[in-house]
Protein backbone atom coordinates (compact mmCIF):
# COMPACT_ATOMS: atom_id res chain seq x y z
CA MET A 1 75.69 -63.96 59.09
CA ALA A 2 72.70 -63.61 61.08
CA GLU A 3 70.42 -64.26 57.83
CA ASP A 4 72.69 -66.94 56.79
CA ALA A 5 72.09 -68.56 60.34
CA ALA A 6 68.52 -67.76 60.29
CA MET A 7 68.24 -69.64 56.93
CA LEU A 8 70.20 -72.69 58.35
CA VAL A 9 68.10 -72.96 61.21
CA GLY A 10 64.71 -72.79 59.14
CA ALA A 11 66.24 -75.47 56.82
CA VAL A 12 67.16 -77.66 59.53
CA ASP A 13 63.56 -77.01 61.15
CA ALA A 14 61.80 -77.87 57.75
CA SER A 15 64.20 -81.30 57.41
CA ASP A 16 63.26 -82.22 60.84
CA SER A 17 59.56 -81.84 60.09
CA GLN A 18 59.78 -83.73 56.91
CA SER A 19 61.70 -86.50 58.79
CA ARG A 20 58.80 -86.57 61.43
CA THR A 21 56.45 -86.77 58.74
CA ARG A 22 58.12 -89.85 56.96
CA GLU A 23 58.56 -91.66 60.38
CA LYS A 24 54.95 -91.35 61.09
CA SER A 25 53.98 -92.79 57.62
CA MET A 26 54.55 -96.31 56.40
CA THR A 27 54.16 -98.03 53.10
CA ILE A 28 51.73 -100.54 52.63
CA GLY A 29 54.36 -103.08 52.78
CA ALA A 30 55.91 -101.85 56.07
CA VAL A 31 52.17 -102.01 57.40
CA CYS A 32 51.70 -105.40 56.35
CA LYS A 33 54.90 -106.63 58.11
CA SER A 34 54.25 -104.75 61.26
CA LEU A 35 50.81 -106.63 61.71
CA SER A 36 52.12 -109.88 60.55
CA GLN A 37 52.70 -111.12 63.83
CA GLU A 38 49.22 -110.25 65.44
CA PHE A 39 47.36 -111.13 62.16
CA PRO A 40 49.30 -113.84 60.32
CA ASP A 41 46.75 -113.68 57.37
CA ILE A 42 47.19 -110.28 56.63
CA SER A 43 48.30 -109.38 52.95
CA ILE A 44 48.93 -106.28 50.83
CA SER A 45 45.82 -107.47 48.72
CA LYS A 46 43.59 -107.40 51.66
CA ILE A 47 44.62 -104.00 52.80
CA ARG A 48 43.88 -102.82 49.13
CA TYR A 49 40.59 -104.65 49.26
CA LEU A 50 39.79 -102.63 52.66
CA GLU A 51 40.55 -99.58 50.87
CA ASP A 52 38.35 -100.44 47.94
CA GLN A 53 35.57 -100.80 50.41
CA LYS A 54 36.10 -97.47 51.78
CA LEU A 55 37.11 -98.58 55.11
CA LEU A 56 40.99 -96.84 54.88
CA ALA A 57 41.85 -93.67 53.20
CA PRO A 58 45.73 -93.55 53.29
CA ARG A 59 47.62 -90.44 51.93
CA ARG A 60 48.91 -90.76 48.37
CA THR A 61 52.27 -89.32 47.16
CA PRO A 62 52.35 -87.63 43.61
CA GLY A 63 53.60 -90.66 42.43
CA GLY A 64 50.55 -92.68 43.62
CA TYR A 65 52.10 -94.89 46.43
CA ARG A 66 50.06 -95.14 49.68
CA LEU A 67 51.25 -93.69 52.86
CA TYR A 68 49.54 -94.82 56.03
CA SER A 69 49.66 -92.71 59.31
CA THR A 70 49.72 -94.02 62.99
CA GLY A 71 46.11 -93.35 62.68
CA ASP A 72 45.68 -95.27 59.53
CA VAL A 73 47.35 -98.18 60.98
CA ALA A 74 45.37 -98.10 64.29
CA ARG A 75 42.38 -98.10 62.27
CA LEU A 76 43.30 -100.91 60.26
CA ARG A 77 44.32 -103.05 63.51
CA THR A 78 40.76 -102.39 64.93
CA ILE A 79 39.21 -103.56 61.64
CA LEU A 80 41.07 -106.70 61.54
CA ARG A 81 40.46 -107.29 65.47
CA LEU A 82 36.61 -106.98 64.70
CA GLN A 83 36.71 -109.40 61.89
CA ARG A 84 39.06 -111.67 63.93
CA ASP A 85 37.43 -111.72 67.30
CA GLU A 86 33.74 -110.68 66.75
CA PHE A 87 32.98 -111.96 62.99
CA LEU A 88 31.46 -108.76 62.27
CA PRO A 89 30.90 -108.03 58.25
CA LEU A 90 32.43 -104.97 56.82
CA ARG A 91 29.16 -103.22 56.56
CA VAL A 92 28.69 -103.36 60.53
CA ILE A 93 32.37 -102.61 61.09
CA ARG A 94 31.73 -99.45 58.73
CA GLN A 95 28.84 -98.80 60.81
CA GLU A 96 30.82 -98.97 64.18
CA LEU A 97 33.82 -96.94 63.10
CA ALA A 98 31.55 -94.27 62.01
CA THR A 99 29.84 -93.84 65.20
CA GLY A 100 33.04 -94.25 67.20
CA ALA A 101 31.72 -97.48 68.89
CA ALA A 102 34.89 -99.39 67.65
CA ASP A 103 37.29 -96.91 68.84
CA ASP A 104 40.61 -99.27 69.18
CA GLU A 105 42.40 -97.31 71.82
CA ALA A 106 39.36 -96.47 74.13
CA PRO A 107 36.63 -98.98 73.70
CA ALA A 108 33.35 -98.54 75.38
CA ALA A 109 33.48 -100.08 78.62
CA ARG A 110 32.16 -100.21 81.76
CA PRO A 111 32.91 -101.59 85.36
CA ASN A 112 32.01 -105.04 86.06
CA ALA A 113 31.01 -106.88 89.69
CA GLN A 114 34.90 -107.07 90.19
CA GLY A 115 35.88 -103.54 89.69
CA ASN A 116 37.49 -104.32 86.17
CA ARG A 117 36.33 -102.55 83.08
CA ALA A 118 34.38 -104.97 80.49
CA ARG A 119 33.40 -104.01 77.23
CA ALA A 120 29.69 -103.40 76.83
CA PRO A 121 27.68 -105.80 74.53
CA ARG A 122 27.41 -104.47 70.76
CA THR A 123 24.22 -103.55 69.33
CA ALA A 124 25.43 -103.03 65.71
CA ILE A 125 24.04 -105.97 64.35
CA SER A 126 22.22 -105.65 61.01
CA VAL A 127 19.60 -108.14 59.45
CA ARG A 128 18.56 -105.89 56.78
CA ASP A 129 20.57 -107.45 53.84
CA GLY A 130 23.81 -109.33 53.21
CA GLY A 131 25.70 -106.51 51.82
CA ALA A 132 27.88 -106.98 48.73
CA VAL A 133 28.31 -110.52 46.81
CA TYR A 134 31.66 -112.41 46.21
CA ALA A 135 32.66 -115.02 43.80
CA LEU A 136 33.65 -118.12 44.99
CA ASP A 137 37.32 -117.69 43.83
CA ASP A 138 37.61 -114.08 45.31
CA VAL A 139 36.46 -115.53 48.87
CA ILE A 140 39.03 -118.39 49.04
CA GLU A 141 41.77 -115.87 47.94
CA ASP A 142 40.47 -113.30 50.80
CA THR A 143 39.97 -116.07 53.42
CA ARG A 144 42.85 -118.09 52.40
CA ALA A 145 40.10 -121.06 52.91
CA GLU A 146 41.01 -124.58 51.61
CA PRO A 147 38.25 -125.21 48.47
CA THR A 148 37.49 -128.62 50.19
CA LEU A 149 36.40 -126.62 53.58
CA VAL A 150 34.20 -124.21 51.59
CA SER A 151 32.74 -127.50 50.05
CA GLU A 152 32.13 -129.17 53.37
CA LEU A 153 30.50 -126.19 55.05
CA GLU A 154 27.89 -126.22 52.00
CA ASP A 155 27.55 -129.98 52.34
CA PHE A 156 26.72 -129.53 56.00
CA GLY A 157 24.46 -126.34 55.73
CA VAL A 158 26.69 -124.01 57.58
CA ILE A 159 26.97 -121.77 54.47
CA LYS A 160 24.55 -121.29 51.41
CA GLY A 161 25.84 -119.82 48.26
CA ASP A 162 24.00 -118.34 45.47
CA VAL A 163 24.75 -120.05 41.97
CA ARG A 164 24.34 -117.56 38.97
CA ASN A 165 25.60 -118.54 35.69
CA GLY A 166 27.67 -121.39 36.74
CA ILE A 167 29.43 -119.32 39.53
CA THR A 168 28.80 -119.36 43.19
CA TYR A 169 28.29 -116.31 44.94
CA TYR A 170 28.59 -115.45 48.77
CA ASP A 171 27.47 -112.38 50.70
CA GLU A 172 29.83 -110.67 53.51
CA THR A 173 28.13 -112.70 56.18
CA GLU A 174 28.69 -115.99 54.64
CA ARG A 175 32.15 -114.94 53.70
CA GLU A 176 33.11 -113.87 57.14
CA ILE A 177 31.71 -117.46 58.46
CA ILE A 178 34.24 -118.90 55.80
CA ARG A 179 36.83 -116.92 57.68
CA ALA A 180 35.80 -118.19 61.10
CA ALA A 181 35.85 -121.99 60.14
CA THR A 182 38.96 -121.47 58.29
CA GLU A 183 40.49 -119.97 61.69
CA LEU A 184 38.85 -123.20 63.49
CA ALA A 185 40.25 -125.54 60.91
CA ARG A 186 43.71 -124.80 62.10
CA TYR A 187 42.68 -126.35 65.46
CA GLY A 188 41.66 -129.44 63.55
CA VAL A 189 37.74 -128.28 63.64
CA ALA A 190 36.28 -129.82 60.53
CA GLY A 191 33.03 -128.30 58.73
CA ARG A 192 30.80 -131.26 60.00
CA ASN A 193 31.82 -129.98 63.39
CA LEU A 194 30.15 -126.77 62.93
CA ARG A 195 26.65 -128.29 62.53
CA VAL A 196 26.14 -127.42 66.27
CA PHE A 197 26.60 -123.88 65.60
CA ARG A 198 24.24 -124.16 62.69
CA THR A 199 21.74 -125.92 64.81
CA SER A 200 22.01 -123.49 67.70
CA ALA A 201 21.76 -120.45 65.38
CA ASP A 202 18.60 -122.06 63.66
CA ARG A 203 16.88 -122.47 67.16
CA GLU A 204 17.89 -118.99 68.31
CA ALA A 205 16.12 -117.42 65.06
CA ALA A 206 13.03 -119.40 65.53
CA LEU A 207 12.60 -117.94 68.95
CA LEU A 208 13.20 -114.59 68.27
CA GLN A 209 10.68 -114.99 65.25
CA GLN A 210 8.44 -116.19 67.69
CA ILE A 211 8.66 -113.09 69.84
CA LEU A 212 8.41 -110.53 67.15
CA ALA A 213 6.36 -112.36 64.41
CA PRO A 214 3.49 -110.47 64.54
CA ALA A 215 5.02 -107.44 64.18
CA LEU A 216 7.26 -108.45 61.28
CA ARG A 217 4.07 -109.39 59.39
CA SER A 218 2.33 -106.22 59.91
CA ARG A 219 1.04 -104.21 57.06
CA ASN A 220 2.22 -101.08 58.84
CA ALA A 221 5.41 -100.15 57.24
CA GLU A 222 6.46 -98.13 60.43
CA ARG A 223 5.80 -101.07 62.70
CA ARG A 224 7.62 -103.43 60.53
CA LYS A 225 10.54 -101.28 60.70
CA GLU A 226 10.29 -101.05 64.51
CA ALA A 227 10.26 -104.85 64.59
CA VAL A 228 13.64 -105.26 62.47
CA GLU A 229 15.24 -102.84 64.84
CA ALA A 230 14.00 -104.70 67.90
CA LEU A 231 15.01 -107.83 66.37
CA GLU A 232 18.63 -106.60 65.90
CA ASN A 233 18.85 -105.46 69.34
CA LEU A 234 17.67 -108.61 70.67
CA ALA A 235 20.26 -110.39 68.56
CA ALA A 236 22.80 -108.30 70.10
CA VAL A 237 21.69 -109.11 73.56
CA THR A 238 21.45 -113.01 73.02
CA THR A 239 24.89 -112.88 71.23
CA HIS A 240 26.24 -111.33 74.35
CA LEU A 241 24.20 -113.84 76.71
CA LYS A 242 25.74 -116.73 74.63
CA HIS A 243 29.11 -115.25 74.90
CA LEU A 244 28.79 -114.95 78.87
CA LEU A 245 27.63 -118.39 78.87
CA LEU A 246 30.43 -119.74 77.02
CA ILE A 247 33.02 -118.04 78.87
CA ARG A 248 31.52 -119.12 82.18
CA ASP A 249 31.85 -122.65 80.99
CA LEU A 250 34.94 -122.59 79.49
CA ARG A 251 36.52 -121.15 83.14
CA LYS A 252 35.27 -124.61 84.51
CA ILE A 253 37.28 -126.37 81.84
CA ALA A 254 40.42 -124.07 82.53
CA GLY A 255 40.20 -124.45 86.11
């Protein structure tokens, strides 16, 4: 009897363990549904795309089904927030995840003058290349942008595609610009209204180029490398400064 009871307890413990494992794991459809309120544009195809880009690695069942742990879901939420709130390209998001700079539950923070904790300015800005390229149809499917909006962004110089054999391609940065413009379009902001951002970016780029031009043109490879790193750091600082100035002005509007 004692042996039977021990076997029964063992079976119950194993069953409880399996049950807890199932509770902690979610199918891709369940993940999509759980995040849809915070991220209305989330889709199963987008989650699979992020997996293809090596940003997610859910567990697979013997039958090939994806099972997402609570950690996988938290990581996905972080990725989606960085895309939506900071418009970071996937290559930069990958870097931040690798270094721990994008910890969703415990972001790098420091006290501000009021004693509140404010996120430190990011430095993970890369200007070395645009990453992978995507065909126009894929960009539209991923960002859910209207083709007319993409065309308008092209017309007003907000984005610039690369035409190859009759097909227009965009790099990661251009694709994220389209994603941001699509979000703004929901509030009635047209492509032509974004020229102010294009003009501002051109002026900022010209200023940074003026500061670092001699080093960027140097024949010394090490000096050029240091100049590019300095350019990335300056870009992060100016981006943070621009954000602070905008917040200051928006407080006046809201007040």
